[in-house]
Amino acid sequence: MSQTEKDSLIAQTVKNYGGKLLSFIRPKVNNTEDAEDILQEVWYQFTNLTNISEILNVGAWLYQVSRNKITDSYRKKKTENLEDFVYEDEDGSFSVKDILLLDDSENPELLAFREEVWKELFAALEELPEKQRSAFVENEIEGKKLQEIADAQGENIKTIISRKNYAVKHLRKRMNGLYLDLKS
């Protein structure tokens, strides 16, 4: 198969399967950006095949690779961030970070809510082991990069990521409880 024929086959395949694959991937991941990233990885793998003309069922191959890439994305340990604390109410959605850090209004109800959230956040942080608390505070509140924290503590980056993820899971559980209490 010549390069021109290969390019034509790739272009036709992208045209035929692009939208379908994105629709297949999107419900299985957190957001559209992740779905697009996975789709890009699928296309990258497809275009780098040396035996592209030997694939008997291109559609089945693409869907299988997509499933594998989705599984890979679940397996990757991703650092969770304060932005992940998003809640929806009847008016839409808001995030804890928006309330704690960004909104500077003088609304007394919002100020009281913000004070309660900070109080609960710091109480939940105090429940954490020191190393988990430190990883979270240094990254999320002080704005240090995870690699900086690892270097300063003489730890492996994966250890710091793991500590922060444990902290985030604990905080998410506690803050979700606060949200449910406030909502009722």
Protein backbone atom coordinates (compact mmCIF):
# COMPACT_ATOMS: atom_id res chain seq x y z
CA MET A 1 0.00 0.00 0.00
CA SER A 2 1.43 3.37 -1.01
CA GLN A 3 1.58 6.31 1.39
CA THR A 4 -1.10 8.10 -0.65
CA GLU A 5 -3.44 5.10 -0.37
CA LYS A 6 -2.73 4.86 3.37
CA ASP A 7 -3.46 8.59 3.83
CA SER A 8 -6.70 8.22 1.89
CA LEU A 9 -7.75 5.21 4.00
CA ILE A 10 -6.98 7.10 7.21
CA ALA A 11 -8.91 10.19 6.08
CA GLN A 12 -11.94 8.08 5.12
CA THR A 13 -11.78 6.16 8.41
CA VAL A 14 -11.63 9.38 10.46
CA LYS A 15 -14.59 10.73 8.48
CA ASN A 16 -16.62 7.52 8.97
CA TYR A 17 -15.80 6.83 12.62
CA GLY A 18 -14.73 10.14 14.23
CA GLY A 19 -18.12 11.22 15.58
CA LYS A 20 -19.23 7.68 16.41
CA LEU A 21 -16.11 6.96 18.44
CA LEU A 22 -16.37 10.23 20.36
CA SER A 23 -20.00 9.42 21.15
CA PHE A 24 -18.90 5.97 22.30
CA ILE A 25 -16.08 7.29 24.52
CA ARG A 26 -17.73 10.40 26.03
CA PRO A 27 -20.19 8.72 28.45
CA LYS A 28 -17.42 6.51 29.81
CA VAL A 29 -15.06 9.29 30.97
CA ASN A 30 -15.25 12.36 33.20
CA ASN A 31 -15.50 15.08 30.57
CA THR A 32 -15.36 15.93 26.90
CA GLU A 33 -11.67 16.89 27.07
CA ASP A 34 -10.76 13.41 28.36
CA ALA A 35 -12.86 11.84 25.61
CA GLU A 36 -11.12 13.94 22.97
CA ASP A 37 -7.71 13.01 24.41
CA ILE A 38 -8.58 9.32 24.25
CA LEU A 39 -9.87 9.66 20.70
CA GLN A 40 -6.65 11.41 19.72
CA GLU A 41 -4.65 8.51 21.19
CA VAL A 42 -6.77 6.05 19.17
CA TRP A 43 -6.13 7.99 15.96
CA TYR A 44 -2.43 8.23 16.76
CA GLN A 45 -2.22 4.48 17.23
CA PHE A 46 -4.22 3.87 14.05
CA THR A 47 -2.09 6.17 11.89
CA ASN A 48 1.14 4.58 13.14
CA LEU A 49 0.14 1.06 12.12
CA THR A 50 2.44 -0.45 9.55
CA ASN A 51 -0.09 -3.09 8.52
CA ILE A 52 -3.19 -0.89 8.30
CA SER A 53 -4.44 -2.59 5.15
CA GLU A 54 -4.39 -5.99 6.88
CA ILE A 55 -7.06 -5.06 9.44
CA LEU A 56 -10.15 -7.02 8.46
CA ASN A 57 -12.68 -5.00 10.44
CA VAL A 58 -11.45 -1.45 11.01
CA GLY A 59 -14.52 -0.48 13.04
CA ALA A 60 -14.10 -3.37 15.49
CA TRP A 61 -10.40 -2.56 15.80
CA LEU A 62 -11.13 1.12 16.54
CA TYR A 63 -13.76 0.32 19.17
CA GLN A 64 -11.48 -2.23 20.86
CA VAL A 65 -8.60 0.24 20.99
CA SER A 66 -11.01 2.87 22.35
CA ARG A 67 -12.14 0.48 25.11
CA ASN A 68 -8.51 -0.25 25.94
CA LYS A 69 -7.65 3.47 26.09
CA ILE A 70 -10.66 4.12 28.36
CA THR A 71 -9.51 1.31 30.65
CA ASP A 72 -5.99 2.76 30.64
CA SER A 73 -7.35 6.15 31.65
CA TYR A 74 -9.13 4.57 34.64
CA ARG A 75 -5.94 2.83 35.69
CA LYS A 76 -3.84 5.96 35.63
CA LYS A 77 -3.63 7.57 39.01
CA LYS A 78 -4.73 11.11 38.51
CA THR A 79 -4.24 13.83 41.06
CA GLU A 80 -7.51 15.19 42.27
CA ASN A 81 -7.84 18.92 42.78
CA LEU A 82 -9.97 21.30 44.76
CA GLU A 83 -11.76 22.03 41.47
CA ASP A 84 -13.15 18.50 41.70
CA PHE A 85 -15.40 19.58 44.58
CA VAL A 86 -18.34 20.63 42.41
CA TYR A 87 -21.91 20.45 43.55
CA GLU A 88 -25.13 21.10 41.75
CA ASP A 89 -28.17 22.77 43.17
CA GLU A 90 -31.43 23.82 41.53
CA ASP A 91 -29.81 27.00 40.18
CA GLY A 92 -26.88 25.24 38.50
CA SER A 93 -23.51 24.29 39.87
CA PHE A 94 -20.89 25.83 42.11
CA SER A 95 -17.57 24.67 43.37
CA VAL A 96 -16.07 24.89 46.81
CA LYS A 97 -13.09 26.72 45.33
CA ASP A 98 -15.40 29.40 43.88
CA ILE A 99 -16.86 30.03 47.29
CA LEU A 100 -13.63 29.82 49.28
CA LEU A 101 -11.27 31.68 47.02
CA LEU A 102 -12.89 33.55 44.19
CA ASP A 103 -16.11 35.23 45.30
CA ASP A 104 -15.30 38.39 47.22
CA SER A 105 -18.85 39.65 47.65
CA GLU A 106 -20.03 40.96 50.98
CA ASN A 107 -23.22 38.90 50.99
CA PRO A 108 -23.70 37.96 54.69
CA GLU A 109 -25.14 34.52 53.84
CA LEU A 110 -22.25 33.73 51.54
CA LEU A 111 -19.74 34.98 54.11
CA ALA A 112 -21.32 32.75 56.78
CA PHE A 113 -21.34 29.79 54.40
CA ARG A 114 -17.72 30.44 53.41
CA GLU A 115 -16.72 30.61 57.08
CA GLU A 116 -18.49 27.30 57.76
CA VAL A 117 -16.84 25.62 54.78
CA TRP A 118 -13.37 26.84 55.84
CA LYS A 119 -14.02 25.66 59.39
CA GLU A 120 -15.09 22.21 58.17
CA LEU A 121 -12.21 22.01 55.69
CA PHE A 122 -9.61 22.73 58.37
CA ALA A 123 -11.30 20.33 60.82
CA ALA A 124 -11.21 17.63 58.13
CA LEU A 125 -7.56 18.46 57.38
CA GLU A 126 -6.70 18.00 61.05
CA GLU A 127 -8.07 14.45 60.88
CA LEU A 128 -5.52 13.51 58.23
CA PRO A 129 -2.08 12.06 58.88
CA GLU A 130 0.54 14.84 58.77
CA LYS A 131 2.09 13.77 55.45
CA GLN A 132 -1.27 13.63 53.67
CA ARG A 133 -2.33 16.98 55.13
CA SER A 134 0.99 18.53 54.13
CA ALA A 135 0.76 17.26 50.53
CA PHE A 136 -2.74 18.67 50.16
CA VAL A 137 -2.07 22.04 51.83
CA GLU A 138 1.18 22.66 49.99
CA ASN A 139 -0.35 21.81 46.61
CA GLU A 140 -3.88 23.21 46.85
CA ILE A 141 -3.56 26.08 49.28
CA GLU A 142 0.06 27.17 48.89
CA GLY A 143 0.10 26.43 45.15
CA LYS A 144 3.28 24.35 45.07
CA LYS A 145 3.70 21.82 42.28
CA LEU A 146 3.66 18.17 43.33
CA GLN A 147 7.19 17.70 42.00
CA GLU A 148 8.39 20.62 44.15
CA ILE A 149 6.85 19.01 47.22
CA ALA A 150 8.43 15.65 46.38
CA ASP A 151 11.85 17.24 45.91
CA ALA A 152 11.61 19.24 49.14
CA GLN A 153 10.59 16.16 51.13
CA GLY A 154 13.02 13.83 49.37
CA GLU A 155 10.11 11.63 48.28
CA ASN A 156 9.07 9.99 45.03
CA ILE A 157 6.46 12.01 43.09
CA LYS A 158 4.12 9.00 43.10
CA THR A 159 4.23 8.95 46.92
CA ILE A 160 3.20 12.61 47.05
CA ILE A 161 0.43 12.03 44.50
CA SER A 162 -0.85 9.09 46.51
CA ARG A 163 -0.83 11.09 49.75
CA LYS A 164 -2.68 13.94 48.15
CA ASN A 165 -5.25 11.57 46.62
CA TYR A 166 -5.93 10.01 50.02
CA ALA A 167 -6.36 13.50 51.46
CA VAL A 168 -8.73 14.54 48.68
CA LYS A 169 -10.85 11.42 49.10
CA HIS A 170 -11.17 12.07 52.83
CA LEU A 171 -11.96 15.75 52.27
CA ARG A 172 -14.46 14.99 49.54
CA LYS A 173 -16.29 12.60 51.86
CA ARG A 174 -16.34 15.16 54.67
CA MET A 175 -17.26 18.11 52.47
CA ASN A 176 -20.00 16.13 50.73
CA GLY A 177 -21.45 15.45 54.18
CA LEU A 178 -21.33 19.18 54.92
CA TYR A 179 -23.04 19.95 51.62
CA LEU A 180 -25.81 17.45 52.36
CA ASP A 181 -26.25 18.89 55.86
CA LEU A 182 -26.47 22.43 54.53
CA LYS A 183 -28.85 21.44 51.76
CA SER A 184 -31.37 19.84 54.11
